[in-house]
C-alpha cells in the first residue's frame, strides 16, 4: 500500500472514530467507557494490520 493510501485510510479511520465516539456520547455512555471501547477498536485494527495479507504472494 502506498504512503498516500495509508494516509488516506488513517484519516478515514479518524473520521469514523470521531463519529462513532460522538454517537456513543449522545447515547449517554460515560467518557471513560467510550475511551475504553475506542482503545479496544484501535487494538483490533492494529492486530488486523499486523496479520499477513493472504492475498499477497507468500501470504498464505
C-alpha atoms as a PDB file:
ATOM      1  CA  UNK A   1       0.000   0.000   0.000  1.00  0.00           C
ATOM      2  CA  UNK A   2       1.363   3.405  -0.894  1.00  0.00           C
ATOM      3  CA  UNK A   3       2.062   6.068   1.685  1.00  0.00           C
ATOM      4  CA  UNK A   4      -0.754   8.200   0.241  1.00  0.00           C
ATOM      5  CA  UNK A   5      -3.167   5.272   0.555  1.00  0.00           C
ATOM      6  CA  UNK A   6      -2.068   4.632   4.132  1.00  0.00           C
ATOM      7  CA  UNK A   7      -2.541   8.299   4.989  1.00  0.00           C
ATOM      8  CA  UNK A   8      -5.999   8.358   3.392  1.00  0.00           C
ATOM      9  CA  UNK A   9      -7.004   5.208   5.236  1.00  0.00           C
ATOM     10  CA  UNK A  10      -5.730   6.589   8.549  1.00  0.00           C
ATOM     11  CA  UNK A  11      -7.654   9.845   8.042  1.00  0.00           C
ATOM     12  CA  UNK A  12     -10.820   7.946   7.124  1.00  0.00           C
ATOM     13  CA  UNK A  13     -10.466   5.841  10.260  1.00  0.00           C
ATOM     14  CA  UNK A  14     -10.142   9.003  12.375  1.00  0.00           C
ATOM     15  CA  UNK A  15     -13.363  10.417  10.879  1.00  0.00           C
ATOM     16  CA  UNK A  16     -15.211   7.163  11.587  1.00  0.00           C
ATOM     17  CA  UNK A  17     -13.782   7.034  15.124  1.00  0.00           C
ATOM     18  CA  UNK A  18     -14.918  10.585  15.854  1.00  0.00           C
ATOM     19  CA  UNK A  19     -18.422   9.908  14.508  1.00  0.00           C
ATOM     20  CA  UNK A  20     -18.706   6.665  16.483  1.00  0.00           C
ATOM     21  CA  UNK A  21     -17.491   8.268  19.717  1.00  0.00           C
ATOM     22  CA  UNK A  22     -19.946  11.146  19.285  1.00  0.00           C
ATOM     23  CA  UNK A  23     -22.784   8.649  18.795  1.00  0.00           C
ATOM     24  CA  UNK A  24     -21.769   6.863  21.991  1.00  0.00           C
ATOM     25  CA  UNK A  25     -21.744  10.211  23.853  1.00  0.00           C
ATOM     26  CA  UNK A  26     -25.200  11.075  22.520  1.00  0.00           C
ATOM     27  CA  UNK A  27     -26.424   7.681  23.703  1.00  0.00           C
ATOM     28  CA  UNK A  28     -25.244   8.586  27.198  1.00  0.00           C
ATOM     29  CA  UNK A  29     -22.134   6.465  27.628  1.00  0.00           C
ATOM     30  CA  UNK A  30     -19.573   7.644  30.128  1.00  0.00           C
ATOM     31  CA  UNK A  31     -16.407   9.198  28.665  1.00  0.00           C
ATOM     32  CA  UNK A  32     -14.253   6.517  30.313  1.00  0.00           C
ATOM     33  CA  UNK A  33     -16.326   3.778  28.663  1.00  0.00           C
ATOM     34  CA  UNK A  34     -16.008   5.466  25.277  1.00  0.00           C
ATOM     35  CA  UNK A  35     -12.244   5.702  25.721  1.00  0.00           C
ATOM     36  CA  UNK A  36     -12.043   2.026  26.660  1.00  0.00           C
ATOM     37  CA  UNK A  37     -14.161   0.898  23.694  1.00  0.00           C
ATOM     38  CA  UNK A  38     -12.095   3.054  21.334  1.00  0.00           C
ATOM     39  CA  UNK A  39      -8.869   1.549  22.664  1.00  0.00           C
ATOM     40  CA  UNK A  40     -10.251  -1.960  22.051  1.00  0.00           C
ATOM     41  CA  UNK A  41     -11.133  -0.982  18.486  1.00  0.00           C
ATOM     42  CA  UNK A  42      -7.661   0.500  17.917  1.00  0.00           C
ATOM     43  CA  UNK A  43      -6.075  -2.701  19.251  1.00  0.00           C
ATOM     44  CA  UNK A  44      -8.205  -4.756  16.868  1.00  0.00           C
ATOM     45  CA  UNK A  45      -7.228  -2.589  13.901  1.00  0.00           C
ATOM     46  CA  UNK A  46      -3.556  -2.834  14.842  1.00  0.00           C
ATOM     47  CA  UNK A  47      -3.811  -6.620  15.067  1.00  0.00           C
ATOM     48  CA  UNK A  48      -5.504  -6.760  11.654  1.00  0.00           C
ATOM     49  CA  UNK A  49      -2.813  -4.557  10.164  1.00  0.00           C
ATOM     50  CA  UNK A  50      -0.089  -6.832  11.539  1.00  0.00           C
ATOM     51  CA  UNK A  51      -1.620 -10.024  10.077  1.00  0.00           C
ATOM     52  CA  UNK A  52      -0.031 -11.220   6.851  1.00  0.00           C
ATOM     53  CA  UNK A  53      -2.074 -10.379   3.775  1.00  0.00           C
ATOM     54  CA  UNK A  54      -3.367 -13.723   2.474  1.00  0.00           C
ATOM     55  CA  UNK A  55      -3.924 -12.218  -0.976  1.00  0.00           C
ATOM     56  CA  UNK A  56      -0.281 -11.162  -1.235  1.00  0.00           C
ATOM     57  CA  UNK A  57       2.262 -13.554  -2.713  1.00  0.00           C
ATOM     58  CA  UNK A  58       3.617 -15.743   0.061  1.00  0.00           C
ATOM     59  CA  UNK A  59       0.891 -14.558   2.434  1.00  0.00           C
ATOM     60  CA  UNK A  60      -0.999 -17.799   2.776  1.00  0.00           C
END
